[in-house]
Amino acid sequence: MVGDVNLIRNLQRVSPIAIGLPNGDCTVDRDVGLVKLGDGIKLDNILYVPNLNCNLVSIKLCKQLNCVVTYFDEFCVIQDRTSRTLIGVDD
């Protein structure tokens, strides 16, 4: 899920999906698209949630790329799950 529409490409309408927000509110999402992270990491079917104040992509990222994500104060490191080869760094 991302809250910034500028991060999404190829935005498409889908059937309504109920989303629970971190503050306890609920919203309905109807748009999905492609998100590009860093140098060439692409994630498909990412939800655009207008009321979301952050971007939550780690679970989708781990599943699609078979990787692990390690978070630090101001950036994260993305590595292959098996070899631990660096895939990318995102800030």
C-alpha atoms as a PDB file:
ATOM      1  CA  MET A   1       0.000   0.000   0.000  1.00  0.00           C
ATOM      2  CA  VAL A   2       1.183   3.489  -0.785  1.00  0.00           C
ATOM      3  CA  GLY A   3      -0.321   6.846   0.064  1.00  0.00           C
ATOM      4  CA  ASP A   4       1.487   8.891  -2.580  1.00  0.00           C
ATOM      5  CA  VAL A   5      -0.137   8.594  -6.026  1.00  0.00           C
ATOM      6  CA  ASN A   6       3.073   9.899  -7.622  1.00  0.00           C
ATOM      7  CA  LEU A   7       4.792   6.599  -6.752  1.00  0.00           C
ATOM      8  CA  ILE A   8       2.332   4.495  -8.784  1.00  0.00           C
ATOM      9  CA  ARG A   9       2.385   3.790 -12.511  1.00  0.00           C
ATOM     10  CA  ASN A  10      -0.355   2.170 -14.612  1.00  0.00           C
ATOM     11  CA  LEU A  11      -3.096   2.924 -12.082  1.00  0.00           C
ATOM     12  CA  GLN A  12      -6.172   0.733 -12.627  1.00  0.00           C
ATOM     13  CA  ARG A  13      -9.602   0.480 -11.015  1.00  0.00           C
ATOM     14  CA  VAL A  14     -10.458  -2.732  -9.152  1.00  0.00           C
ATOM     15  CA  SER A  15     -13.380  -3.937  -7.043  1.00  0.00           C
ATOM     16  CA  PRO A  16     -13.623  -2.016  -3.750  1.00  0.00           C
ATOM     17  CA  ILE A  17     -11.309  -3.246  -0.981  1.00  0.00           C
ATOM     18  CA  ALA A  18     -11.855  -2.226   2.664  1.00  0.00           C
ATOM     19  CA  ILE A  19      -8.637  -0.988   4.315  1.00  0.00           C
ATOM     20  CA  GLY A  20      -8.073  -0.488   8.050  1.00  0.00           C
ATOM     21  CA  LEU A  21      -5.770   2.480   8.708  1.00  0.00           C
ATOM     22  CA  PRO A  22      -3.227   2.621  11.566  1.00  0.00           C
ATOM     23  CA  ASN A  23      -5.259   5.311  13.378  1.00  0.00           C
ATOM     24  CA  GLY A  24      -8.306   3.005  13.558  1.00  0.00           C
ATOM     25  CA  ASP A  25     -10.211   4.628  10.677  1.00  0.00           C
ATOM     26  CA  CYS A  26     -11.326   2.647   7.634  1.00  0.00           C
ATOM     27  CA  THR A  27     -11.282   3.592   3.982  1.00  0.00           C
ATOM     28  CA  VAL A  28     -12.149   1.915   0.698  1.00  0.00           C
ATOM     29  CA  ASP A  29      -9.514   1.450  -1.971  1.00  0.00           C
ATOM     30  CA  ARG A  30     -10.283   1.046  -5.664  1.00  0.00           C
ATOM     31  CA  ASP A  31      -6.931   1.591  -7.371  1.00  0.00           C
ATOM     32  CA  VAL A  32      -3.858  -0.604  -7.885  1.00  0.00           C
ATOM     33  CA  GLY A  33      -0.732  -0.114  -9.915  1.00  0.00           C
ATOM     34  CA  LEU A  34       2.977  -0.676 -10.343  1.00  0.00           C
ATOM     35  CA  VAL A  35       5.544   0.793  -7.943  1.00  0.00           C
ATOM     36  CA  LYS A  36       9.223   1.127  -8.776  1.00  0.00           C
ATOM     37  CA  LEU A  37      11.767   1.158  -5.949  1.00  0.00           C
ATOM     38  CA  GLY A  38      15.346   2.274  -6.453  1.00  0.00           C
ATOM     39  CA  ASP A  39      17.101   0.976  -9.557  1.00  0.00           C
ATOM     40  CA  GLY A  40      14.694  -1.418 -11.233  1.00  0.00           C
ATOM     41  CA  ILE A  41      12.797  -3.113  -8.396  1.00  0.00           C
ATOM     42  CA  LYS A  42       9.178  -3.316  -9.566  1.00  0.00           C
ATOM     43  CA  LEU A  43       6.165  -4.371  -7.493  1.00  0.00           C
ATOM     44  CA  ASP A  44       2.833  -5.234  -9.124  1.00  0.00           C
ATOM     45  CA  ASN A  45      -0.703  -4.833  -7.754  1.00  0.00           C
ATOM     46  CA  ILE A  46       0.180  -2.258  -5.101  1.00  0.00           C
ATOM     47  CA  LEU A  47      -2.851  -0.563  -3.543  1.00  0.00           C
ATOM     48  CA  TYR A  48      -3.116   3.222  -3.661  1.00  0.00           C
ATOM     49  CA  VAL A  49      -4.699   4.381  -0.387  1.00  0.00           C
ATOM     50  CA  PRO A  50      -5.215   8.177  -0.422  1.00  0.00           C
ATOM     51  CA  ASN A  51      -5.565   8.518   3.373  1.00  0.00           C
ATOM     52  CA  LEU A  52      -2.375   6.581   4.146  1.00  0.00           C
ATOM     53  CA  ASN A  53       0.468   8.763   5.480  1.00  0.00           C
ATOM     54  CA  CYS A  54       3.188   6.209   4.741  1.00  0.00           C
ATOM     55  CA  ASN A  55       4.137   3.490   2.267  1.00  0.00           C
ATOM     56  CA  LEU A  56       3.880  -0.177   3.281  1.00  0.00           C
ATOM     57  CA  VAL A  57       5.480  -2.474   0.748  1.00  0.00           C
ATOM     58  CA  SER A  58       7.782  -4.876   2.630  1.00  0.00           C
ATOM     59  CA  ILE A  59       5.561  -7.994   2.654  1.00  0.00           C
ATOM     60  CA  LYS A  60       4.717  -7.669  -1.044  1.00  0.00           C
ATOM     61  CA  LEU A  61       8.375  -6.984  -1.789  1.00  0.00           C
ATOM     62  CA  CYS A  62       9.543 -10.078   0.103  1.00  0.00           C
ATOM     63  CA  LYS A  63       7.038 -12.339  -1.658  1.00  0.00           C
ATOM     64  CA  GLN A  64       7.613 -11.052  -5.196  1.00  0.00           C
ATOM     65  CA  LEU A  65      11.421 -10.918  -5.016  1.00  0.00           C
ATOM     66  CA  ASN A  66      12.040 -13.775  -2.551  1.00  0.00           C
ATOM     67  CA  CYS A  67      14.090 -11.388  -0.430  1.00  0.00           C
ATOM     68  CA  VAL A  68      14.560 -10.021   3.072  1.00  0.00           C
ATOM     69  CA  VAL A  69      14.319  -6.355   4.015  1.00  0.00           C
ATOM     70  CA  THR A  70      16.356  -4.893   6.878  1.00  0.00           C
ATOM     71  CA  TYR A  71      15.272  -1.482   8.149  1.00  0.00           C
ATOM     72  CA  PHE A  72      17.598   1.128   9.604  1.00  0.00           C
ATOM     73  CA  ASP A  73      16.859   4.664  10.860  1.00  0.00           C
ATOM     74  CA  GLU A  74      16.825   6.331   7.443  1.00  0.00           C
ATOM     75  CA  PHE A  75      17.037   3.546   4.832  1.00  0.00           C
ATOM     76  CA  CYS A  76      16.432  -0.126   4.195  1.00  0.00           C
ATOM     77  CA  VAL A  77      18.543  -2.855   2.591  1.00  0.00           C
ATOM     78  CA  ILE A  78      16.987  -5.447   0.287  1.00  0.00           C
ATOM     79  CA  GLN A  79      18.819  -8.780  -0.043  1.00  0.00           C
ATOM     80  CA  ASP A  80      18.198 -12.122  -1.745  1.00  0.00           C
ATOM     81  CA  ARG A  81      16.713 -14.484   0.854  1.00  0.00           C
ATOM     82  CA  THR A  82      19.069 -17.391   0.092  1.00  0.00           C
ATOM     83  CA  SER A  83      22.410 -15.866  -0.918  1.00  0.00           C
ATOM     84  CA  ARG A  84      22.039 -12.507   0.929  1.00  0.00           C
ATOM     85  CA  THR A  85      23.220 -10.794  -2.266  1.00  0.00           C
ATOM     86  CA  LEU A  86      22.360  -7.101  -2.259  1.00  0.00           C
ATOM     87  CA  ILE A  87      19.344  -6.343  -4.454  1.00  0.00           C
ATOM     88  CA  GLY A  88      18.940  -2.707  -3.539  1.00  0.00           C
ATOM     89  CA  VAL A  89      18.931   0.082  -0.981  1.00  0.00           C
ATOM     90  CA  ASP A  90      16.005   2.471  -0.574  1.00  0.00           C
ATOM     91  CA  ASP A  91      15.830   5.634   1.520  1.00  0.00           C
END
